[in-house]
C-alpha atoms as a PDB file:
ATOM      1  CA  UNK A   1     104.380  69.400 120.163  1.00  0.00           C
ATOM      2  CA  UNK A   2     102.420  68.613 123.314  1.00  0.00           C
ATOM      3  CA  UNK A   3      99.484  66.193 123.220  1.00  0.00           C
ATOM      4  CA  UNK A   4      96.778  68.862 123.546  1.00  0.00           C
ATOM      5  CA  UNK A   5      98.136  70.819 120.591  1.00  0.00           C
ATOM      6  CA  UNK A   6      98.381  67.703 118.426  1.00  0.00           C
ATOM      7  CA  UNK A   7      94.824  66.705 119.347  1.00  0.00           C
ATOM      8  CA  UNK A   8      93.553  70.186 118.468  1.00  0.00           C
ATOM      9  CA  UNK A   9      95.455  70.194 115.167  1.00  0.00           C
ATOM     10  CA  UNK A  10      94.217  66.664 114.400  1.00  0.00           C
ATOM     11  CA  UNK A  11      90.605  67.743 114.928  1.00  0.00           C
ATOM     12  CA  UNK A  12      91.094  70.843 112.781  1.00  0.00           C
ATOM     13  CA  UNK A  13      92.590  68.729 109.991  1.00  0.00           C
ATOM     14  CA  UNK A  14      89.806  66.144 110.235  1.00  0.00           C
ATOM     15  CA  UNK A  15      87.185  68.896 110.078  1.00  0.00           C
ATOM     16  CA  UNK A  16      88.880  70.441 107.062  1.00  0.00           C
ATOM     17  CA  UNK A  17      89.071  67.112 105.205  1.00  0.00           C
ATOM     18  CA  UNK A  18      85.807  65.431 106.224  1.00  0.00           C
ATOM     19  CA  UNK A  19      83.701  67.910 108.205  1.00  0.00           C
ATOM     20  CA  UNK A  20      80.817  67.856 105.723  1.00  0.00           C
ATOM     21  CA  UNK A  21      80.602  64.051 105.841  1.00  0.00           C
ATOM     22  CA  UNK A  22      81.270  63.308 109.497  1.00  0.00           C
ATOM     23  CA  UNK A  23      80.248  66.567 111.216  1.00  0.00           C
ATOM     24  CA  UNK A  24      81.109  66.480 114.952  1.00  0.00           C
ATOM     25  CA  UNK A  25      82.564  62.974 114.680  1.00  0.00           C
ATOM     26  CA  UNK A  26      85.626  64.698 113.249  1.00  0.00           C
ATOM     27  CA  UNK A  27      86.425  65.626 116.865  1.00  0.00           C
ATOM     28  CA  UNK A  28      86.727  61.954 117.778  1.00  0.00           C
ATOM     29  CA  UNK A  29      88.659  60.830 114.714  1.00  0.00           C
ATOM     30  CA  UNK A  30      90.874  63.909 114.625  1.00  0.00           C
ATOM     31  CA  UNK A  31      91.821  63.536 118.287  1.00  0.00           C
ATOM     32  CA  UNK A  32      92.696  59.856 117.883  1.00  0.00           C
ATOM     33  CA  UNK A  33      94.549  60.223 114.585  1.00  0.00           C
ATOM     34  CA  UNK A  34      96.423  63.284 115.789  1.00  0.00           C
ATOM     35  CA  UNK A  35      97.726  61.315 118.765  1.00  0.00           C
ATOM     36  CA  UNK A  36      98.830  58.101 117.023  1.00  0.00           C
ATOM     37  CA  UNK A  37     102.394  59.173 116.036  1.00  0.00           C
ATOM     38  CA  UNK A  38     103.254  59.937 119.662  1.00  0.00           C
ATOM     39  CA  UNK A  39     102.349  56.423 120.808  1.00  0.00           C
ATOM     40  CA  UNK A  40     106.063  55.693 120.400  1.00  0.00           C
ATOM     41  CA  UNK A  41     106.387  57.272 123.850  1.00  0.00           C
ATOM     42  CA  UNK A  42     104.432  54.341 125.291  1.00  0.00           C
ATOM     43  CA  UNK A  43     106.727  51.906 123.503  1.00  0.00           C
ATOM     44  CA  UNK A  44     109.688  53.756 124.987  1.00  0.00           C
ATOM     45  CA  UNK A  45     108.420  52.998 128.497  1.00  0.00           C
ATOM     46  CA  UNK A  46     109.423  49.370 127.944  1.00  0.00           C
ATOM     47  CA  UNK A  47     112.932  50.299 126.761  1.00  0.00           C
ATOM     48  CA  UNK A  48     115.984  51.811 128.414  1.00  0.00           C
ATOM     49  CA  UNK A  49     116.155  55.589 128.847  1.00  0.00           C
ATOM     50  CA  UNK A  50     118.487  55.893 125.857  1.00  0.00           C
ATOM     51  CA  UNK A  51     116.564  53.525 123.566  1.00  0.00           C
ATOM     52  CA  UNK A  52     113.283  55.254 124.439  1.00  0.00           C
ATOM     53  CA  UNK A  53     114.693  58.624 123.419  1.00  0.00           C
ATOM     54  CA  UNK A  54     116.307  57.181 120.282  1.00  0.00           C
ATOM     55  CA  UNK A  55     113.031  55.858 118.823  1.00  0.00           C
ATOM     56  CA  UNK A  56     110.969  58.971 119.605  1.00  0.00           C
ATOM     57  CA  UNK A  57     109.806  60.698 116.414  1.00  0.00           C
ATOM     58  CA  UNK A  58     111.448  58.031 114.306  1.00  0.00           C
ATOM     59  CA  UNK A  59     109.475  55.343 112.456  1.00  0.00           C
ATOM     60  CA  UNK A  60     106.151  56.505 113.927  1.00  0.00           C
ATOM     61  CA  UNK A  61     106.669  59.985 112.430  1.00  0.00           C
ATOM     62  CA  UNK A  62     107.700  58.919 108.936  1.00  0.00           C
ATOM     63  CA  UNK A  63     105.911  59.318 105.617  1.00  0.00           C
ATOM     64  CA  UNK A  64     106.654  55.694 104.791  1.00  0.00           C
ATOM     65  CA  UNK A  65     104.839  54.532 107.918  1.00  0.00           C
ATOM     66  CA  UNK A  66     101.860  56.768 107.162  1.00  0.00           C
ATOM     67  CA  UNK A  67     101.545  55.416 103.625  1.00  0.00           C
ATOM     68  CA  UNK A  68     101.049  51.918 105.019  1.00  0.00           C
ATOM     69  CA  UNK A  69      98.982  52.903 108.064  1.00  0.00           C
ATOM     70  CA  UNK A  70      96.547  55.312 106.373  1.00  0.00           C
ATOM     71  CA  UNK A  71      94.754  52.690 104.234  1.00  0.00           C
ATOM     72  CA  UNK A  72      94.359  50.445 107.282  1.00  0.00           C
ATOM     73  CA  UNK A  73      92.869  53.249 109.351  1.00  0.00           C
ATOM     74  CA  UNK A  74      90.813  54.410 106.358  1.00  0.00           C
ATOM     75  CA  UNK A  75      89.321  50.942 105.930  1.00  0.00           C
ATOM     76  CA  UNK A  76      88.445  50.821 109.630  1.00  0.00           C
ATOM     77  CA  UNK A  77      86.822  54.271 109.627  1.00  0.00           C
ATOM     78  CA  UNK A  78      84.863  53.555 106.432  1.00  0.00           C
ATOM     79  CA  UNK A  79      83.494  50.362 108.018  1.00  0.00           C
ATOM     80  CA  UNK A  80      82.461  52.181 111.189  1.00  0.00           C
ATOM     81  CA  UNK A  81      80.933  55.114 109.292  1.00  0.00           C
ATOM     82  CA  UNK A  82      79.081  53.133 106.615  1.00  0.00           C
ATOM     83  CA  UNK A  83      77.459  55.228 103.867  1.00  0.00           C
ATOM     84  CA  UNK A  84      78.956  58.405 105.366  1.00  0.00           C
ATOM     85  CA  UNK A  85      82.510  58.258 104.069  1.00  0.00           C
ATOM     86  CA  UNK A  86      84.251  56.171 101.426  1.00  0.00           C
ATOM     87  CA  UNK A  87      87.413  54.164 101.896  1.00  0.00           C
ATOM     88  CA  UNK A  88      89.360  56.659  99.771  1.00  0.00           C
ATOM     89  CA  UNK A  89      88.117  59.690 101.709  1.00  0.00           C
ATOM     90  CA  UNK A  90      88.689  57.994 105.048  1.00  0.00           C
ATOM     91  CA  UNK A  91      92.236  57.047 104.024  1.00  0.00           C
ATOM     92  CA  UNK A  92      92.938  60.651 103.045  1.00  0.00           C
ATOM     93  CA  UNK A  93      91.487  61.768 106.376  1.00  0.00           C
ATOM     94  CA  UNK A  94      93.885  59.479 108.245  1.00  0.00           C
ATOM     95  CA  UNK A  95      96.864  60.445 106.105  1.00  0.00           C
ATOM     96  CA  UNK A  96      96.460  64.205 106.510  1.00  0.00           C
ATOM     97  CA  UNK A  97      95.837  63.993 110.258  1.00  0.00           C
ATOM     98  CA  UNK A  98      99.062  61.995 110.633  1.00  0.00           C
ATOM     99  CA  UNK A  99     101.090  64.203 108.286  1.00  0.00           C
ATOM    100  CA  UNK A 100     100.061  67.518 109.874  1.00  0.00           C
ATOM    101  CA  UNK A 101     101.170  66.112 113.232  1.00  0.00           C
ATOM    102  CA  UNK A 102     104.670  65.606 111.835  1.00  0.00           C
ATOM    103  CA  UNK A 103     104.761  68.892 109.933  1.00  0.00           C
ATOM    104  CA  UNK A 104     104.115  70.764 113.179  1.00  0.00           C
ATOM    105  CA  UNK A 105     106.797  68.718 114.972  1.00  0.00           C
ATOM    106  CA  UNK A 106     109.282  69.786 112.298  1.00  0.00           C
ATOM    107  CA  UNK A 107     109.201  73.306 113.746  1.00  0.00           C
ATOM    108  CA  UNK A 108     110.362  72.162 117.210  1.00  0.00           C
ATOM    109  CA  UNK A 109     113.915  71.692 118.464  1.00  0.00           C
ATOM    110  CA  UNK A 110     113.668  67.907 118.602  1.00  0.00           C
ATOM    111  CA  UNK A 111     112.555  67.505 115.009  1.00  0.00           C
ATOM    112  CA  UNK A 112     111.460  64.283 113.294  1.00  0.00           C
ATOM    113  CA  UNK A 113     112.765  61.533 111.031  1.00  0.00           C
ATOM    114  CA  UNK A 114     110.054  62.244 108.496  1.00  0.00           C
ATOM    115  CA  UNK A 115     112.117  60.486 105.789  1.00  0.00           C
ATOM    116  CA  UNK A 116     112.846  57.390 107.888  1.00  0.00           C
ATOM    117  CA  UNK A 117     114.662  55.046 107.308  1.00  0.00           C
ATOM    118  CA  UNK A 118     117.072  57.853 106.399  1.00  0.00           C
ATOM    119  CA  UNK A 119     118.964  58.573 109.596  1.00  0.00           C
ATOM    120  CA  UNK A 120     118.384  62.325 109.764  1.00  0.00           C
ATOM    121  CA  UNK A 121     116.109  64.492 111.914  1.00  0.00           C
ATOM    122  CA  UNK A 122     114.637  67.617 110.354  1.00  0.00           C
ATOM    123  CA  UNK A 123     114.210  70.383 112.929  1.00  0.00           C
ATOM    124  CA  UNK A 124     113.496  74.043 112.156  1.00  0.00           C
ATOM    125  CA  UNK A 125     113.755  75.003 115.861  1.00  0.00           C
ATOM    126  CA  UNK A 126     111.303  77.924 115.712  1.00  0.00           C
ATOM    127  CA  UNK A 127     108.756  76.947 118.373  1.00  0.00           C
ATOM    128  CA  UNK A 128     108.887  75.322 121.797  1.00  0.00           C
ATOM    129  CA  UNK A 129     107.063  72.012 122.269  1.00  0.00           C
ATOM    130  CA  UNK A 130     104.395  73.850 124.282  1.00  0.00           C
ATOM    131  CA  UNK A 131     103.312  77.265 123.050  1.00  0.00           C
ATOM    132  CA  UNK A 132      99.852  78.540 124.037  1.00  0.00           C
ATOM    133  CA  UNK A 133      99.923  81.280 121.396  1.00  0.00           C
ATOM    134  CA  UNK A 134      99.785  78.589 118.729  1.00  0.00           C
ATOM    135  CA  UNK A 135      97.253  76.343 120.443  1.00  0.00           C
ATOM    136  CA  UNK A 136      94.688  78.759 121.892  1.00  0.00           C
ATOM    137  CA  UNK A 137      93.410  80.383 118.634  1.00  0.00           C
ATOM    138  CA  UNK A 138      92.880  76.945 117.109  1.00  0.00           C
ATOM    139  CA  UNK A 139      91.187  75.656 120.254  1.00  0.00           C
ATOM    140  CA  UNK A 140      88.790  78.619 120.406  1.00  0.00           C
ATOM    141  CA  UNK A 141      87.861  78.200 116.741  1.00  0.00           C
ATOM    142  CA  UNK A 142      87.013  74.530 117.359  1.00  0.00           C
ATOM    143  CA  UNK A 143      84.691  75.473 120.212  1.00  0.00           C
ATOM    144  CA  UNK A 144      82.672  77.538 117.731  1.00  0.00           C
ATOM    145  CA  UNK A 145      82.834  74.727 115.172  1.00  0.00           C
ATOM    146  CA  UNK A 146      81.395  72.264 117.721  1.00  0.00           C
ATOM    147  CA  UNK A 147      78.506  74.573 118.591  1.00  0.00           C
ATOM    148  CA  UNK A 148      77.353  75.161 115.011  1.00  0.00           C
ATOM    149  CA  UNK A 149      75.822  72.595 112.653  1.00  0.00           C
ATOM    150  CA  UNK A 150      75.949  74.653 109.451  1.00  0.00           C
ATOM    151  CA  UNK A 151      78.859  73.457 107.338  1.00  0.00           C
ATOM    152  CA  UNK A 152      79.799  76.813 105.792  1.00  0.00           C
ATOM    153  CA  UNK A 153      79.732  78.558 109.185  1.00  0.00           C
ATOM    154  CA  UNK A 154      81.860  75.788 110.705  1.00  0.00           C
ATOM    155  CA  UNK A 155      84.326  76.110 107.847  1.00  0.00           C
ATOM    156  CA  UNK A 156      84.555  79.876 108.383  1.00  0.00           C
ATOM    157  CA  UNK A 157      85.456  79.465 112.065  1.00  0.00           C
ATOM    158  CA  UNK A 158      87.934  76.730 111.248  1.00  0.00           C
ATOM    159  CA  UNK A 159      89.729  78.731 108.561  1.00  0.00           C
ATOM    160  CA  UNK A 160      90.063  81.675 110.944  1.00  0.00           C
ATOM    161  CA  UNK A 161      91.683  79.477 113.585  1.00  0.00           C
ATOM    162  CA  UNK A 162      94.045  77.864 111.102  1.00  0.00           C
ATOM    163  CA  UNK A 163      95.054  81.238 109.648  1.00  0.00           C
ATOM    164  CA  UNK A 164      95.826  82.664 113.103  1.00  0.00           C
ATOM    165  CA  UNK A 165      97.808  79.638 114.300  1.00  0.00           C
ATOM    166  CA  UNK A 166      99.681  79.283 111.005  1.00  0.00           C
ATOM    167  CA  UNK A 167     100.461  83.012 110.960  1.00  0.00           C
ATOM    168  CA  UNK A 168     101.943  82.695 114.426  1.00  0.00           C
ATOM    169  CA  UNK A 169     104.047  79.756 113.245  1.00  0.00           C
ATOM    170  CA  UNK A 170     105.315  81.885 110.357  1.00  0.00           C
ATOM    171  CA  UNK A 171     106.058  84.703 112.797  1.00  0.00           C
ATOM    172  CA  UNK A 172     108.265  82.396 114.878  1.00  0.00           C
ATOM    173  CA  UNK A 173     110.291  81.647 111.733  1.00  0.00           C
ATOM    174  CA  UNK A 174     110.851  85.349 111.090  1.00  0.00           C
ATOM    175  CA  UNK A 175     111.727  86.008 114.732  1.00  0.00           C
ATOM    176  CA  UNK A 176     114.240  83.181 114.696  1.00  0.00           C
ATOM    177  CA  UNK A 177     115.959  84.654 111.640  1.00  0.00           C
ATOM    178  CA  UNK A 178     116.118  88.018 113.415  1.00  0.00           C
ATOM    179  CA  UNK A 179     117.513  86.450 116.610  1.00  0.00           C
ATOM    180  CA  UNK A 180     120.071  84.474 114.627  1.00  0.00           C
ATOM    181  CA  UNK A 181     121.206  87.693 112.943  1.00  0.00           C
ATOM    182  CA  UNK A 182     121.697  89.290 116.389  1.00  0.00           C
ATOM    183  CA  UNK A 183     123.810  86.347 117.580  1.00  0.00           C
ATOM    184  CA  UNK A 184     125.928  86.393 114.414  1.00  0.00           C
ATOM    185  CA  UNK A 185     126.556  90.138 114.757  1.00  0.00           C
ATOM    186  CA  UNK A 186     127.480  89.742 118.429  1.00  0.00           C
ATOM    187  CA  UNK A 187     129.942  86.952 117.629  1.00  0.00           C
ATOM    188  CA  UNK A 188     131.534  89.087 114.919  1.00  0.00           C
ATOM    189  CA  UNK A 189     131.723  92.185 117.131  1.00  0.00           C
ATOM    190  CA  UNK A 190     133.314  90.211 119.955  1.00  0.00           C
ATOM    191  CA  UNK A 191     135.703  88.496 117.485  1.00  0.00           C
ATOM    192  CA  UNK A 192     134.670  84.996 118.519  1.00  0.00           C
ATOM    193  CA  UNK A 193     135.499  82.322 115.969  1.00  0.00           C
ATOM    194  CA  UNK A 194     133.110  79.410 115.730  1.00  0.00           C
ATOM    195  CA  UNK A 195     132.274  76.368 113.626  1.00  0.00           C
ATOM    196  CA  UNK A 196     128.501  76.057 113.992  1.00  0.00           C
ATOM    197  CA  UNK A 197     125.577  77.997 115.435  1.00  0.00           C
ATOM    198  CA  UNK A 198     122.090  76.816 116.347  1.00  0.00           C
ATOM    199  CA  UNK A 199     119.302  79.049 117.671  1.00  0.00           C
ATOM    200  CA  UNK A 200     116.096  77.871 119.327  1.00  0.00           C
ATOM    201  CA  UNK A 201     113.281  79.366 121.446  1.00  0.00           C
ATOM    202  CA  UNK A 202     112.959  79.055 125.206  1.00  0.00           C
ATOM    203  CA  UNK A 203     109.923  77.531 126.921  1.00  0.00           C
ATOM    204  CA  UNK A 204     106.413  78.845 126.152  1.00  0.00           C
ATOM    205  CA  UNK A 205     107.435  81.948 124.174  1.00  0.00           C
ATOM    206  CA  UNK A 206     109.063  83.339 121.028  1.00  0.00           C
ATOM    207  CA  UNK A 207     110.638  86.388 122.705  1.00  0.00           C
ATOM    208  CA  UNK A 208     113.657  84.828 124.414  1.00  0.00           C
ATOM    209  CA  UNK A 209     116.029  82.769 122.251  1.00  0.00           C
ATOM    210  CA  UNK A 210     118.972  80.512 123.128  1.00  0.00           C
ATOM    211  CA  UNK A 211     122.086  79.974 121.039  1.00  0.00           C
ATOM    212  CA  UNK A 212     124.627  77.153 121.063  1.00  0.00           C
ATOM    213  CA  UNK A 213     127.916  77.987 119.375  1.00  0.00           C
ATOM    214  CA  UNK A 214     130.416  75.201 118.690  1.00  0.00           C
ATOM    215  CA  UNK A 215     134.194  75.777 118.585  1.00  0.00           C
ATOM    216  CA  UNK A 216     137.105  73.366 118.387  1.00  0.00           C
ATOM    217  CA  UNK A 217     137.685  73.610 122.143  1.00  0.00           C
ATOM    218  CA  UNK A 218     134.151  73.843 123.489  1.00  0.00           C
ATOM    219  CA  UNK A 219     130.843  75.671 123.320  1.00  0.00           C
ATOM    220  CA  UNK A 220     129.567  79.181 123.871  1.00  0.00           C
ATOM    221  CA  UNK A 221     126.033  79.429 125.232  1.00  0.00           C
ATOM    222  CA  UNK A 222     124.017  82.628 125.166  1.00  0.00           C
ATOM    223  CA  UNK A 223     120.490  84.003 125.158  1.00  0.00           C
ATOM    224  CA  UNK A 224     118.852  86.985 123.534  1.00  0.00           C
ATOM    225  CA  UNK A 225     115.533  88.693 124.236  1.00  0.00           C
ATOM    226  CA  UNK A 226     113.804  90.862 121.670  1.00  0.00           C
ATOM    227  CA  UNK A 227     113.654  93.479 124.461  1.00  0.00           C
ATOM    228  CA  UNK A 228     117.402  93.448 125.166  1.00  0.00           C
ATOM    229  CA  UNK A 229     119.270  96.751 125.232  1.00  0.00           C
ATOM    230  CA  UNK A 230     122.714  95.440 126.250  1.00  0.00           C
ATOM    231  CA  UNK A 231     125.165  93.371 124.156  1.00  0.00           C
ATOM    232  CA  UNK A 232     124.764  89.593 124.111  1.00  0.00           C
ATOM    233  CA  UNK A 233     126.976  87.834 126.658  1.00  0.00           C
ATOM    234  CA  UNK A 234     128.518  84.464 125.794  1.00  0.00           C
ATOM    235  CA  UNK A 235     129.492  81.876 128.394  1.00  0.00           C
ATOM    236  CA  UNK A 236     132.133  79.306 127.448  1.00  0.00           C
ATOM    237  CA  UNK A 237     132.025  75.612 128.395  1.00  0.00           C
ATOM    238  CA  UNK A 238     135.113  73.574 127.612  1.00  0.00           C
ATOM    239  CA  UNK A 239     134.949  70.117 126.058  1.00  0.00           C
ATOM    240  CA  UNK A 240     136.107  67.540 128.569  1.00  0.00           C
ATOM    241  CA  UNK A 241     138.025  65.167 126.308  1.00  0.00           C
ATOM    242  CA  UNK A 242     139.632  63.263 129.180  1.00  0.00           C
ATOM    243  CA  UNK A 243     136.233  62.469 130.673  1.00  0.00           C
ATOM    244  CA  UNK A 244     134.927  61.408 127.267  1.00  0.00           C
ATOM    245  CA  UNK A 245     137.768  58.927 126.919  1.00  0.00           C
ATOM    246  CA  UNK A 246     136.362  57.000 129.869  1.00  0.00           C
ATOM    247  CA  UNK A 247     133.050  56.546 128.047  1.00  0.00           C
ATOM    248  CA  UNK A 248     134.229  55.897 124.507  1.00  0.00           C
ATOM    249  CA  UNK A 249     133.587  52.116 124.675  1.00  0.00           C
ATOM    250  CA  UNK A 250     130.082  52.537 126.060  1.00  0.00           C
ATOM    251  CA  UNK A 251     127.159  51.805 123.716  1.00  0.00           C
ATOM    252  CA  UNK A 252     124.883  54.208 125.581  1.00  0.00           C
ATOM    253  CA  UNK A 253     127.448  56.995 125.270  1.00  0.00           C
ATOM    254  CA  UNK A 254     127.770  56.488 121.522  1.00  0.00           C
ATOM    255  CA  UNK A 255     123.968  56.420 121.186  1.00  0.00           C
ATOM    256  CA  UNK A 256     123.604  59.653 123.154  1.00  0.00           C
ATOM    257  CA  UNK A 257     126.255  61.335 121.002  1.00  0.00           C
ATOM    258  CA  UNK A 258     124.197  60.472 117.954  1.00  0.00           C
ATOM    259  CA  UNK A 259     120.908  61.556 119.542  1.00  0.00           C
ATOM    260  CA  UNK A 260     122.369  64.913 120.623  1.00  0.00           C
ATOM    261  CA  UNK A 261     123.751  65.471 117.106  1.00  0.00           C
ATOM    262  CA  UNK A 262     127.139  66.239 118.653  1.00  0.00           C
ATOM    263  CA  UNK A 263     125.850  68.973 120.977  1.00  0.00           C
ATOM    264  CA  UNK A 264     126.877  67.585 124.346  1.00  0.00           C
ATOM    265  CA  UNK A 265     129.225  67.940 127.294  1.00  0.00           C
ATOM    266  CA  UNK A 266     130.539  65.283 129.649  1.00  0.00           C
ATOM    267  CA  UNK A 267     130.878  66.551 133.212  1.00  0.00           C
ATOM    268  CA  UNK A 268     131.882  65.066 136.530  1.00  0.00           C
ATOM    269  CA  UNK A 269     130.236  65.655 139.906  1.00  0.00           C
ATOM    270  CA  UNK A 270     130.886  63.776 143.144  1.00  0.00           C
ATOM    271  CA  UNK A 271     133.039  61.286 141.172  1.00  0.00           C
ATOM    272  CA  UNK A 272     130.135  60.516 138.831  1.00  0.00           C
ATOM    273  CA  UNK A 273     130.090  61.161 135.093  1.00  0.00           C
ATOM    274  CA  UNK A 274     127.187  62.887 133.372  1.00  0.00           C
ATOM    275  CA  UNK A 275     126.241  63.216 129.705  1.00  0.00           C
ATOM    276  CA  UNK A 276     124.527  66.572 129.088  1.00  0.00           C
ATOM    277  CA  UNK A 277     122.513  67.367 125.963  1.00  0.00           C
ATOM    278  CA  UNK A 278     123.191  71.032 125.142  1.00  0.00           C
ATOM    279  CA  UNK A 279     120.297  71.506 122.728  1.00  0.00           C
ATOM    280  CA  UNK A 280     117.716  72.117 125.458  1.00  0.00           C
ATOM    281  CA  UNK A 281     119.575  74.601 127.586  1.00  0.00           C
ATOM    282  CA  UNK A 282     120.480  75.077 131.216  1.00  0.00           C
ATOM    283  CA  UNK A 283     118.517  75.179 134.452  1.00  0.00           C
ATOM    284  CA  UNK A 284     121.026  77.637 135.938  1.00  0.00           C
ATOM    285  CA  UNK A 285     123.715  80.135 134.877  1.00  0.00           C
ATOM    286  CA  UNK A 286     126.694  78.742 136.784  1.00  0.00           C
ATOM    287  CA  UNK A 287     129.663  77.793 134.540  1.00  0.00           C
ATOM    288  CA  UNK A 288     131.350  76.158 137.564  1.00  0.00           C
ATOM    289  CA  UNK A 289     128.374  73.954 138.406  1.00  0.00           C
ATOM    290  CA  UNK A 290     126.035  73.871 135.378  1.00  0.00           C
ATOM    291  CA  UNK A 291     122.734  72.015 135.571  1.00  0.00           C
ATOM    292  CA  UNK A 292     121.410  70.993 132.179  1.00  0.00           C
ATOM    293  CA  UNK A 293     117.754  70.451 131.257  1.00  0.00           C
ATOM    294  CA  UNK A 294     118.530  67.021 129.781  1.00  0.00           C
ATOM    295  CA  UNK A 295     121.216  65.103 131.610  1.00  0.00           C
ATOM    296  CA  UNK A 296     122.108  61.416 131.936  1.00  0.00           C
ATOM    297  CA  UNK A 297     124.001  59.811 134.800  1.00  0.00           C
ATOM    298  CA  UNK A 298     126.577  57.382 133.413  1.00  0.00           C
ATOM    299  CA  UNK A 299     126.592  54.374 135.724  1.00  0.00           C
ATOM    300  CA  UNK A 300     129.750  52.190 135.500  1.00  0.00           C
ATOM    301  CA  UNK A 301     129.065  48.517 134.772  1.00  0.00           C
ATOM    302  CA  UNK A 302     132.423  46.915 133.880  1.00  0.00           C
ATOM    303  CA  UNK A 303     135.670  47.790 132.057  1.00  0.00           C
ATOM    304  CA  UNK A 304     134.639  51.107 130.523  1.00  0.00           C
ATOM    305  CA  UNK A 305     131.031  50.074 129.920  1.00  0.00           C
ATOM    306  CA  UNK A 306     128.478  52.544 131.255  1.00  0.00           C
ATOM    307  CA  UNK A 307     124.703  52.447 131.583  1.00  0.00           C
ATOM    308  CA  UNK A 308     122.946  55.777 130.995  1.00  0.00           C
ATOM    309  CA  UNK A 309     120.099  56.793 133.294  1.00  0.00           C
ATOM    310  CA  UNK A 310     118.228  60.062 132.770  1.00  0.00           C
ATOM    311  CA  UNK A 311     118.464  62.433 135.708  1.00  0.00           C
ATOM    312  CA  UNK A 312     114.894  63.089 136.924  1.00  0.00           C
ATOM    313  CA  UNK A 313     113.688  66.662 136.873  1.00  0.00           C
ATOM    314  CA  UNK A 314     112.410  68.077 140.162  1.00  0.00           C
ATOM    315  CA  UNK A 315     109.379  70.389 140.288  1.00  0.00           C
ATOM    316  CA  UNK A 316     111.530  73.068 141.881  1.00  0.00           C
ATOM    317  CA  UNK A 317     113.854  72.931 138.869  1.00  0.00           C
ATOM    318  CA  UNK A 318     110.969  73.597 136.500  1.00  0.00           C
ATOM    319  CA  UNK A 319     109.685  76.432 138.654  1.00  0.00           C
ATOM    320  CA  UNK A 320     113.135  77.999 138.839  1.00  0.00           C
ATOM    321  CA  UNK A 321     113.552  77.710 135.065  1.00  0.00           C
ATOM    322  CA  UNK A 322     110.212  79.402 134.376  1.00  0.00           C
ATOM    323  CA  UNK A 323     111.045  82.229 136.786  1.00  0.00           C
ATOM    324  CA  UNK A 324     114.410  82.666 135.085  1.00  0.00           C
ATOM    325  CA  UNK A 325     112.820  82.767 131.624  1.00  0.00           C
ATOM    326  CA  UNK A 326     110.109  85.225 132.681  1.00  0.00           C
ATOM    327  CA  UNK A 327     112.687  87.555 134.195  1.00  0.00           C
ATOM    328  CA  UNK A 328     115.112  87.267 131.315  1.00  0.00           C
ATOM    329  CA  UNK A 329     112.637  87.731 128.426  1.00  0.00           C
ATOM    330  CA  UNK A 330     111.841  91.231 129.714  1.00  0.00           C
ATOM    331  CA  UNK A 331     115.303  92.294 128.573  1.00  0.00           C
ATOM    332  CA  UNK A 332     118.726  92.914 130.096  1.00  0.00           C
END
């Protein structure tokens, strides 16, 4: 999730675990601890575009890492807050702030390697990385927590915020199951054979859902709004095997295949090859000239070796995408 949401969740967790002992200092420790797993983004700044993406939500989001880091952070906090919190309590504070960060990330489309070093990302794909409906109730509850010094009153406000945000998270799970059922019915009604289906939410909402459908020859992409009245329409994108053959000896290409979990297309534009990650959707609806949200320009180096460089996103692209989503979620 976004940094603000993880800070808010970190504070809420810190208050729940150690609010009676640390009072408003939970805001400081929760904010810091809730941010630590995402420091891998800073490390990625010193790596290539592909390597930076590959390490994100890997080691820094794993239970194994937290088991070693929590006692270190607990010792540090217990030394700073002498006579207020014990080493054991401070270690538990650190552990739960780190773990709740990862648990929330599990619900996003990117997922996490929570069981690192196992090479698998768990992703429930029920909530977009930024969703105000999750963040705002928790944020409001923390404002009331900050203003009150009475522990039981603070706890009451906190529990209310956690119940509302967690209920919304549960709702996104139910809505995803409903959307998935609609996609499956549409595929059956239109007699479209497929191998795999993934469904995920669009930006900032849980009303409009995207689907990627894999076949032996390519991919169907579609979207569905809870307010739709017309049948779901699927758009087919063919796998470009001949273009892939040009990249097969490239390390960056093989790494991107692994990162995308096989959901990708290789396209060519102006004699340049592009690797497109299908999991995060399109910026337009043109099958002839698709523009993907996550795309990498494959720069030739020598003898079939290519260097991948992420295509920067323009502000106008983001604005156009938001306008498209807002229009589409109202139904077809």
